[in-house]
PDB file of all heavy atoms in Angstrom:
ATOM      1  N   GLN A   1      -4.559 -23.245  -3.293  1.00  0.00           N
ATOM      2  CA  GLN A   1      -3.680 -23.786  -2.253  1.00  0.00           C
ATOM      3  C   GLN A   1      -3.849 -23.014  -0.963  1.00  0.00           C
ATOM      4  O   GLN A   1      -3.301 -23.386   0.079  1.00  0.00           O
ATOM      5  CB  GLN A   1      -2.210 -23.676  -2.629  1.00  0.00           C
ATOM      6  CG  GLN A   1      -1.897 -24.476  -3.908  1.00  0.00           C
ATOM      7  CD  GLN A   1      -0.417 -24.149  -4.325  1.00  0.00           C
ATOM      8  OE1 GLN A   1       0.178 -23.209  -3.900  1.00  0.00           O
ATOM      9  NE2 GLN A   1       0.055 -25.092  -5.153  1.00  0.00           N
ATOM     10  N   LEU A   2      -4.641 -21.969  -0.885  1.00  0.00           N
ATOM     11  CA  LEU A   2      -4.826 -21.138   0.322  1.00  0.00           C
ATOM     12  C   LEU A   2      -5.702 -21.877   1.331  1.00  0.00           C
ATOM     13  O   LEU A   2      -6.817 -22.327   1.019  1.00  0.00           O
ATOM     14  CB  LEU A   2      -5.392 -19.776  -0.001  1.00  0.00           C
ATOM     15  CG  LEU A   2      -5.539 -18.812   1.163  1.00  0.00           C
ATOM     16  CD1 LEU A   2      -4.187 -18.485   1.697  1.00  0.00           C
ATOM     17  CD2 LEU A   2      -6.252 -17.601   0.702  1.00  0.00           C
ATOM     18  N   GLU A   3      -5.200 -22.038   2.572  1.00  0.00           N
ATOM     19  CA  GLU A   3      -5.966 -22.779   3.585  1.00  0.00           C
ATOM     20  C   GLU A   3      -6.741 -21.828   4.458  1.00  0.00           C
ATOM     21  O   GLU A   3      -7.888 -22.096   4.784  1.00  0.00           O
ATOM     22  CB  GLU A   3      -5.003 -23.630   4.390  1.00  0.00           C
ATOM     23  CG  GLU A   3      -4.355 -24.772   3.674  1.00  0.00           C
ATOM     24  CD  GLU A   3      -3.341 -25.494   4.548  1.00  0.00           C
ATOM     25  OE1 GLU A   3      -3.364 -25.270   5.670  1.00  0.00           O
ATOM     26  OE2 GLU A   3      -2.637 -26.380   3.939  1.00  0.00           O
ATOM     27  N   LYS A   4      -6.135 -20.683   4.798  1.00  0.00           N
ATOM     28  CA  LYS A   4      -6.770 -19.774   5.771  1.00  0.00           C
ATOM     29  C   LYS A   4      -6.982 -18.429   5.025  1.00  0.00           C
ATOM     30  O   LYS A   4      -6.097 -17.560   4.825  1.00  0.00           O
ATOM     31  CB  LYS A   4      -5.841 -19.469   6.988  1.00  0.00           C
ATOM     32  CG  LYS A   4      -5.762 -20.551   7.937  1.00  0.00           C
ATOM     33  CD  LYS A   4      -5.164 -19.986   9.197  1.00  0.00           C
ATOM     34  CE  LYS A   4      -4.256 -20.982   9.913  1.00  0.00           C
ATOM     35  NZ  LYS A   4      -3.606 -20.274  11.007  1.00  0.00           N
ATOM     36  N   SER A   5      -8.241 -18.237   4.607  1.00  0.00           N
ATOM     37  CA  SER A   5      -8.523 -16.937   3.994  1.00  0.00           C
ATOM     38  C   SER A   5      -8.643 -15.780   4.959  1.00  0.00           C
ATOM     39  O   SER A   5      -8.678 -14.629   4.526  1.00  0.00           O
ATOM     40  CB  SER A   5      -9.785 -17.043   3.096  1.00  0.00           C
ATOM     41  OG  SER A   5     -10.885 -17.288   3.967  1.00  0.00           O
ATOM     42  N   SER A   6      -8.627 -16.071   6.281  1.00  0.00           N
ATOM     43  CA  SER A   6      -8.722 -15.012   7.247  1.00  0.00           C
ATOM     44  C   SER A   6      -7.409 -14.223   7.388  1.00  0.00           C
ATOM     45  O   SER A   6      -7.432 -13.154   7.962  1.00  0.00           O
ATOM     46  CB  SER A   6      -9.028 -15.666   8.609  1.00  0.00           C
ATOM     47  OG  SER A   6      -8.001 -16.464   9.032  1.00  0.00           O
ATOM     48  N   GLN A   7      -6.343 -14.755   6.745  1.00  0.00           N
ATOM     49  CA  GLN A   7      -5.086 -14.008   6.762  1.00  0.00           C
ATOM     50  C   GLN A   7      -5.188 -12.674   5.955  1.00  0.00           C
ATOM     51  O   GLN A   7      -4.514 -11.744   6.302  1.00  0.00           O
ATOM     52  CB  GLN A   7      -3.989 -14.829   6.152  1.00  0.00           C
ATOM     53  CG  GLN A   7      -3.590 -16.104   7.026  1.00  0.00           C
ATOM     54  CD  GLN A   7      -2.640 -16.996   6.284  1.00  0.00           C
ATOM     55  OE1 GLN A   7      -2.747 -17.217   5.079  1.00  0.00           O
ATOM     56  NE2 GLN A   7      -1.655 -17.504   7.053  1.00  0.00           N
ATOM     57  N   PHE A   8      -6.060 -12.672   4.918  1.00  0.00           N
ATOM     58  CA  PHE A   8      -6.264 -11.435   4.147  1.00  0.00           C
ATOM     59  C   PHE A   8      -6.713 -10.312   5.103  1.00  0.00           C
ATOM     60  O   PHE A   8      -6.243  -9.212   5.027  1.00  0.00           O
ATOM     61  CB  PHE A   8      -7.297 -11.641   3.082  1.00  0.00           C
ATOM     62  CG  PHE A   8      -6.826 -12.428   1.862  1.00  0.00           C
ATOM     63  CD1 PHE A   8      -7.358 -13.619   1.591  1.00  0.00           C
ATOM     64  CD2 PHE A   8      -5.807 -11.923   1.093  1.00  0.00           C
ATOM     65  CE1 PHE A   8      -6.936 -14.309   0.478  1.00  0.00           C
ATOM     66  CE2 PHE A   8      -5.323 -12.617  -0.011  1.00  0.00           C
ATOM     67  CZ  PHE A   8      -5.919 -13.839  -0.280  1.00  0.00           C
ATOM     68  N   ARG A   9      -7.623 -10.598   5.924  1.00  0.00           N
ATOM     69  CA  ARG A   9      -8.221  -9.576   6.820  1.00  0.00           C
ATOM     70  C   ARG A   9      -7.213  -9.069   7.803  1.00  0.00           C
ATOM     71  O   ARG A   9      -7.069  -7.872   8.064  1.00  0.00           O
ATOM     72  CB  ARG A   9      -9.398 -10.211   7.556  1.00  0.00           C
ATOM     73  CG  ARG A   9     -10.065  -9.103   8.410  1.00  0.00           C
ATOM     74  CD  ARG A   9     -11.375  -9.605   9.045  1.00  0.00           C
ATOM     75  NE  ARG A   9     -12.042  -8.562   9.645  1.00  0.00           N
ATOM     76  CZ  ARG A   9     -12.585  -8.656  10.884  1.00  0.00           C
ATOM     77  NH1 ARG A   9     -12.583  -9.752  11.561  1.00  0.00           N
ATOM     78  NH2 ARG A   9     -13.144  -7.639  11.444  1.00  0.00           N
ATOM     79  N   SER A  10      -6.370  -9.950   8.425  1.00  0.00           N
ATOM     80  CA  SER A  10      -5.435  -9.555   9.435  1.00  0.00           C
ATOM     81  C   SER A  10      -4.317  -8.670   8.742  1.00  0.00           C
ATOM     82  O   SER A  10      -3.818  -7.668   9.365  1.00  0.00           O
ATOM     83  CB  SER A  10      -4.824 -10.787  10.165  1.00  0.00           C
ATOM     84  OG  SER A  10      -4.147 -11.600   9.266  1.00  0.00           O
ATOM     85  N   ILE A  11      -3.896  -9.088   7.517  1.00  0.00           N
ATOM     86  CA  ILE A  11      -2.953  -8.289   6.793  1.00  0.00           C
ATOM     87  C   ILE A  11      -3.460  -6.894   6.458  1.00  0.00           C
ATOM     88  O   ILE A  11      -2.784  -5.903   6.653  1.00  0.00           O
ATOM     89  CB  ILE A  11      -2.482  -9.025   5.522  1.00  0.00           C
ATOM     90  CG1 ILE A  11      -1.639 -10.199   5.918  1.00  0.00           C
ATOM     91  CG2 ILE A  11      -1.620  -8.043   4.686  1.00  0.00           C
ATOM     92  CD1 ILE A  11      -1.212 -11.084   4.721  1.00  0.00           C
ATOM     93  N   ARG A  12      -4.707  -6.789   5.964  1.00  0.00           N
ATOM     94  CA  ARG A  12      -5.286  -5.500   5.650  1.00  0.00           C
ATOM     95  C   ARG A  12      -5.421  -4.601   6.907  1.00  0.00           C
ATOM     96  O   ARG A  12      -5.178  -3.461   6.837  1.00  0.00           O
ATOM     97  CB  ARG A  12      -6.638  -5.662   4.998  1.00  0.00           C
ATOM     98  CG  ARG A  12      -6.651  -6.085   3.565  1.00  0.00           C
ATOM     99  CD  ARG A  12      -8.012  -5.915   2.867  1.00  0.00           C
ATOM    100  NE  ARG A  12      -9.153  -6.293   3.742  1.00  0.00           N
ATOM    101  CZ  ARG A  12      -9.787  -7.380   3.644  1.00  0.00           C
ATOM    102  NH1 ARG A  12      -9.393  -8.332   2.812  1.00  0.00           N
ATOM    103  NH2 ARG A  12     -10.866  -7.653   4.458  1.00  0.00           N
ATOM    104  N   LYS A  13      -5.774  -5.252   8.003  1.00  0.00           N
ATOM    105  CA  LYS A  13      -5.870  -4.497   9.274  1.00  0.00           C
ATOM    106  C   LYS A  13      -4.535  -3.981   9.631  1.00  0.00           C
ATOM    107  O   LYS A  13      -4.442  -2.751  10.082  1.00  0.00           O
ATOM    108  CB  LYS A  13      -6.498  -5.426  10.374  1.00  0.00           C
ATOM    109  CG  LYS A  13      -6.776  -4.653  11.674  1.00  0.00           C
ATOM    110  CD  LYS A  13      -7.083  -5.647  12.775  1.00  0.00           C
ATOM    111  CE  LYS A  13      -8.475  -6.240  12.564  1.00  0.00           C
ATOM    112  NZ  LYS A  13      -8.892  -7.014  13.785  1.00  0.00           N
ATOM    113  N   GLU A  14      -3.529  -4.744   9.622  1.00  0.00           N
ATOM    114  CA  GLU A  14      -2.279  -4.266  10.021  1.00  0.00           C
ATOM    115  C   GLU A  14      -1.693  -3.136   9.122  1.00  0.00           C
ATOM    116  O   GLU A  14      -1.123  -2.143   9.622  1.00  0.00           O
ATOM    117  CB  GLU A  14      -1.196  -5.438  10.097  1.00  0.00           C
ATOM    118  CG  GLU A  14       0.117  -5.088  10.801  1.00  0.00           C
ATOM    119  CD  GLU A  14       0.969  -6.259  10.999  1.00  0.00           C
ATOM    120  OE1 GLU A  14       0.481  -7.332  11.058  1.00  0.00           O
ATOM    121  OE2 GLU A  14       2.277  -6.009  11.116  1.00  0.00           O
ATOM    122  N   VAL A  15      -1.919  -3.279   7.858  1.00  0.00           N
ATOM    123  CA  VAL A  15      -1.508  -2.205   6.882  1.00  0.00           C
ATOM    124  C   VAL A  15      -2.296  -0.921   7.193  1.00  0.00           C
ATOM    125  O   VAL A  15      -1.705   0.145   7.186  1.00  0.00           O
ATOM    126  CB  VAL A  15      -1.719  -2.676   5.447  1.00  0.00           C
ATOM    127  CG1 VAL A  15      -1.669  -1.498   4.480  1.00  0.00           C
ATOM    128  CG2 VAL A  15      -0.837  -3.772   4.998  1.00  0.00           C
ATOM    129  N   ALA A  16      -3.537  -1.075   7.537  1.00  0.00           N
ATOM    130  CA  ALA A  16      -4.291   0.151   7.896  1.00  0.00           C
ATOM    131  C   ALA A  16      -3.780   0.835   9.174  1.00  0.00           C
ATOM    132  O   ALA A  16      -3.723   2.009   9.253  1.00  0.00           O
ATOM    133  CB  ALA A  16      -5.788  -0.203   8.089  1.00  0.00           C
ATOM    134  N   TRP A  17      -3.408  -0.028  10.172  1.00  0.00           N
ATOM    135  CA  TRP A  17      -2.798   0.599  11.336  1.00  0.00           C
ATOM    136  C   TRP A  17      -1.565   1.271  11.079  1.00  0.00           C
ATOM    137  O   TRP A  17      -1.291   2.397  11.529  1.00  0.00           O
ATOM    138  CB  TRP A  17      -2.496  -0.559  12.389  1.00  0.00           C
ATOM    139  CG  TRP A  17      -3.717  -1.084  13.162  1.00  0.00           C
ATOM    140  CD1 TRP A  17      -4.904  -0.588  13.365  1.00  0.00           C
ATOM    141  CD2 TRP A  17      -3.705  -2.355  13.877  1.00  0.00           C
ATOM    142  NE1 TRP A  17      -5.726  -1.372  14.052  1.00  0.00           N
ATOM    143  CE2 TRP A  17      -5.003  -2.503  14.363  1.00  0.00           C
ATOM    144  CE3 TRP A  17      -2.788  -3.346  14.068  1.00  0.00           C
ATOM    145  CZ2 TRP A  17      -5.359  -3.556  15.185  1.00  0.00           C
ATOM    146  CZ3 TRP A  17      -3.146  -4.433  14.883  1.00  0.00           C
ATOM    147  CH2 TRP A  17      -4.496  -4.507  15.453  1.00  0.00           C
ATOM    148  N   ILE A  18      -0.734   0.745  10.231  1.00  0.00           N
ATOM    149  CA  ILE A  18       0.617   1.302   9.820  1.00  0.00           C
ATOM    150  C   ILE A  18       0.362   2.662   9.108  1.00  0.00           C
ATOM    151  O   ILE A  18       0.982   3.670   9.382  1.00  0.00           O
ATOM    152  CB  ILE A  18       1.384   0.347   9.030  1.00  0.00           C
ATOM    153  CG1 ILE A  18       1.939  -0.792   9.909  1.00  0.00           C
ATOM    154  CG2 ILE A  18       2.578   1.061   8.338  1.00  0.00           C
ATOM    155  CD1 ILE A  18       2.580  -1.920   9.121  1.00  0.00           C
ATOM    156  N   GLU A  19      -0.559   2.638   8.167  1.00  0.00           N
ATOM    157  CA  GLU A  19      -0.894   3.849   7.438  1.00  0.00           C
ATOM    158  C   GLU A  19      -1.429   4.894   8.349  1.00  0.00           C
ATOM    159  O   GLU A  19      -1.097   6.151   8.189  1.00  0.00           O
ATOM    160  CB  GLU A  19      -1.845   3.550   6.328  1.00  0.00           C
ATOM    161  CG  GLU A  19      -1.214   2.776   5.171  1.00  0.00           C
ATOM    162  CD  GLU A  19      -2.183   2.424   4.088  1.00  0.00           C
ATOM    163  OE1 GLU A  19      -3.438   2.591   4.283  1.00  0.00           O
ATOM    164  OE2 GLU A  19      -1.667   1.903   3.079  1.00  0.00           O
ATOM    165  N   THR A  20      -2.269   4.539   9.392  1.00  0.00           N
ATOM    166  CA  THR A  20      -2.753   5.484  10.330  1.00  0.00           C
ATOM    167  C   THR A  20      -1.710   6.102  11.169  1.00  0.00           C
ATOM    168  O   THR A  20      -1.653   7.324  11.320  1.00  0.00           O
ATOM    169  CB  THR A  20      -3.803   4.839  11.232  1.00  0.00           C
ATOM    170  OG1 THR A  20      -4.886   4.301  10.393  1.00  0.00           O
ATOM    171  CG2 THR A  20      -4.385   5.756  12.139  1.00  0.00           C
ATOM    172  N   VAL A  21      -0.726   5.343  11.638  1.00  0.00           N
ATOM    173  CA  VAL A  21       0.291   5.786  12.418  1.00  0.00           C
ATOM    174  C   VAL A  21       1.248   6.685  11.638  1.00  0.00           C
ATOM    175  O   VAL A  21       1.633   7.802  12.216  1.00  0.00           O
ATOM    176  CB  VAL A  21       1.165   4.618  12.989  1.00  0.00           C
ATOM    177  CG1 VAL A  21       2.459   5.097  13.732  1.00  0.00           C
ATOM    178  CG2 VAL A  21       0.290   3.820  14.039  1.00  0.00           C
ATOM    179  N   ILE A  22       1.562   6.357  10.428  1.00  0.00           N
ATOM    180  CA  ILE A  22       2.345   7.257   9.617  1.00  0.00           C
ATOM    181  C   ILE A  22       1.596   8.561   9.327  1.00  0.00           C
ATOM    182  O   ILE A  22       2.224   9.610   9.400  1.00  0.00           O
ATOM    183  CB  ILE A  22       2.619   6.512   8.171  1.00  0.00           C
ATOM    184  CG1 ILE A  22       3.603   5.363   8.425  1.00  0.00           C
ATOM    185  CG2 ILE A  22       3.222   7.488   7.189  1.00  0.00           C
ATOM    186  CD1 ILE A  22       3.773   4.511   7.168  1.00  0.00           C
ATOM    187  N   SER A  23       0.362   8.496   9.054  1.00  0.00           N
ATOM    188  CA  SER A  23      -0.447   9.730   8.814  1.00  0.00           C
ATOM    189  C   SER A  23      -0.492  10.621  10.078  1.00  0.00           C
ATOM    190  O   SER A  23      -0.307  11.782   9.975  1.00  0.00           O
ATOM    191  CB  SER A  23      -1.863   9.401   8.400  1.00  0.00           C
ATOM    192  OG  SER A  23      -2.617  10.530   8.222  1.00  0.00           O
ATOM    193  N   GLN A  24      -0.705  10.008  11.209  1.00  0.00           N
ATOM    194  CA  GLN A  24      -0.747  10.762  12.483  1.00  0.00           C
ATOM    195  C   GLN A  24       0.537  11.455  12.784  1.00  0.00           C
ATOM    196  O   GLN A  24       0.620  12.614  13.145  1.00  0.00           O
ATOM    197  CB  GLN A  24      -1.078   9.904  13.586  1.00  0.00           C
ATOM    198  CG  GLN A  24      -2.545   9.450  13.674  1.00  0.00           C
ATOM    199  CD  GLN A  24      -2.877   8.499  14.775  1.00  0.00           C
ATOM    200  OE1 GLN A  24      -1.955   7.841  15.346  1.00  0.00           O
ATOM    201  NE2 GLN A  24      -4.115   8.278  15.137  1.00  0.00           N
ATOM    202  N   ARG A  25       1.657  10.767  12.506  1.00  0.00           N
ATOM    203  CA  ARG A  25       3.010  11.311  12.708  1.00  0.00           C
ATOM    204  C   ARG A  25       3.223  12.502  11.739  1.00  0.00           C
ATOM    205  O   ARG A  25       3.769  13.502  12.216  1.00  0.00           O
ATOM    206  CB  ARG A  25       4.103  10.288  12.559  1.00  0.00           C
ATOM    207  CG  ARG A  25       4.094   9.325  13.771  1.00  0.00           C
ATOM    208  CD  ARG A  25       5.220   8.308  13.548  1.00  0.00           C
ATOM    209  NE  ARG A  25       5.163   7.332  14.639  1.00  0.00           N
ATOM    210  CZ  ARG A  25       5.960   6.299  14.674  1.00  0.00           C
ATOM    211  NH1 ARG A  25       6.873   6.091  13.785  1.00  0.00           N
ATOM    212  NH2 ARG A  25       5.877   5.425  15.691  1.00  0.00           N
ATOM    213  N   ARG A  26       2.863  12.328  10.528  1.00  0.00           N
ATOM    214  CA  ARG A  26       2.994  13.424   9.480  1.00  0.00           C
ATOM    215  C   ARG A  26       2.188  14.628   9.842  1.00  0.00           C
ATOM    216  O   ARG A  26       2.694  15.771   9.852  1.00  0.00           O
ATOM    217  CB  ARG A  26       2.639  12.903   8.152  1.00  0.00           C
ATOM    218  CG  ARG A  26       2.894  13.950   7.073  1.00  0.00           C
ATOM    219  CD  ARG A  26       2.459  13.489   5.716  1.00  0.00           C
ATOM    220  NE  ARG A  26       1.109  13.250   5.583  1.00  0.00           N
ATOM    221  CZ  ARG A  26       0.527  12.059   5.261  1.00  0.00           C
ATOM    222  NH1 ARG A  26       1.242  11.008   5.016  1.00  0.00           N
ATOM    223  NH2 ARG A  26      -0.792  11.914   5.236  1.00  0.00           N
ATOM    224  N   LEU A  27       0.939  14.494  10.334  1.00  0.00           N
ATOM    225  CA  LEU A  27       0.140  15.603  10.769  1.00  0.00           C
ATOM    226  C   LEU A  27       0.665  16.238  11.961  1.00  0.00           C
ATOM    227  O   LEU A  27       0.661  17.444  12.088  1.00  0.00           O
ATOM    228  CB  LEU A  27      -1.264  15.130  11.057  1.00  0.00           C
ATOM    229  CG  LEU A  27      -2.106  14.722   9.823  1.00  0.00           C
ATOM    230  CD1 LEU A  27      -3.462  14.087  10.189  1.00  0.00           C
ATOM    231  CD2 LEU A  27      -2.341  15.888   8.875  1.00  0.00           C
ATOM    232  N   LYS A  28       1.246  15.477  12.889  1.00  0.00           N
ATOM    233  CA  LYS A  28       1.871  16.039  14.075  1.00  0.00           C
ATOM    234  C   LYS A  28       3.019  16.968  13.786  1.00  0.00           C
ATOM    235  O   LYS A  28       3.213  18.013  14.291  1.00  0.00           O
ATOM    236  CB  LYS A  28       2.307  14.942  15.037  1.00  0.00           C
ATOM    237  CG  LYS A  28       2.649  15.328  16.370  1.00  0.00           C
ATOM    238  CD  LYS A  28       2.917  14.141  17.259  1.00  0.00           C
ATOM    239  CE  LYS A  28       3.242  14.520  18.716  1.00  0.00           C
ATOM    240  NZ  LYS A  28       3.516  13.351  19.521  1.00  0.00           N
ATOM    241  N   LYS A  29       3.851  16.454  12.777  1.00  0.00           N
ATOM    242  CA  LYS A  29       5.028  17.196  12.359  1.00  0.00           C
ATOM    243  C   LYS A  29       4.591  18.549  11.634  1.00  0.00           C
ATOM    244  O   LYS A  29       5.162  19.588  11.909  1.00  0.00           O
ATOM    245  CB  LYS A  29       5.903  16.431  11.349  1.00  0.00           C
ATOM    246  CG  LYS A  29       6.821  15.451  11.985  1.00  0.00           C
ATOM    247  CD  LYS A  29       7.582  14.685  10.855  1.00  0.00           C
ATOM    248  CE  LYS A  29       8.378  13.581  11.425  1.00  0.00           C
ATOM    249  NZ  LYS A  29       9.127  12.906  10.330  1.00  0.00           N
ATOM    250  N   GLU A  30       3.510  18.434  10.814  1.00  0.00           N
ATOM    251  CA  GLU A  30       3.056  19.604  10.102  1.00  0.00           C
ATOM    252  C   GLU A  30       2.492  20.611  11.119  1.00  0.00           C
ATOM    253  O   GLU A  30       2.699  21.814  10.924  1.00  0.00           O
ATOM    254  CB  GLU A  30       2.020  19.225   9.084  1.00  0.00           C
ATOM    255  CG  GLU A  30       2.483  18.478   7.860  1.00  0.00           C
ATOM    256  CD  GLU A  30       1.452  17.995   6.972  1.00  0.00           C
ATOM    257  OE1 GLU A  30       0.273  18.279   7.202  1.00  0.00           O
ATOM    258  OE2 GLU A  30       1.809  17.299   5.993  1.00  0.00           O
ATOM    259  N   LYS A  31       1.819  20.131  12.091  1.00  0.00           N
ATOM    260  CA  LYS A  31       1.236  21.053  13.101  1.00  0.00           C
ATOM    261  C   LYS A  31       2.357  21.686  13.884  1.00  0.00           C
ATOM    262  O   LYS A  31       2.247  22.906  14.169  1.00  0.00           O
ATOM    263  CB  LYS A  31       0.301  20.255  14.025  1.00  0.00           C
ATOM    264  CG  LYS A  31      -0.542  21.094  14.917  1.00  0.00           C
ATOM    265  CD  LYS A  31      -1.539  20.212  15.669  1.00  0.00           C
ATOM    266  CE  LYS A  31      -2.484  21.096  16.486  1.00  0.00           C
ATOM    267  NZ  LYS A  31      -3.449  20.285  17.292  1.00  0.00           N
ATOM    268  N   ALA A  32       3.382  20.970  14.232  1.00  0.00           N
ATOM    269  CA  ALA A  32       4.517  21.560  14.970  1.00  0.00           C
ATOM    270  C   ALA A  32       5.247  22.629  14.128  1.00  0.00           C
ATOM    271  O   ALA A  32       5.703  23.580  14.642  1.00  0.00           O
ATOM    272  CB  ALA A  32       5.422  20.432  15.413  1.00  0.00           C
TER     273      ALA A  32
END
């Protein structure tokens, strides 16, 4: 039933952005 398989890529990209932001904030806290 899936019409747009391109949605997979956009979701994976957004999850990666979120994980990167979380990681950067954690490293910043650890450094501080």
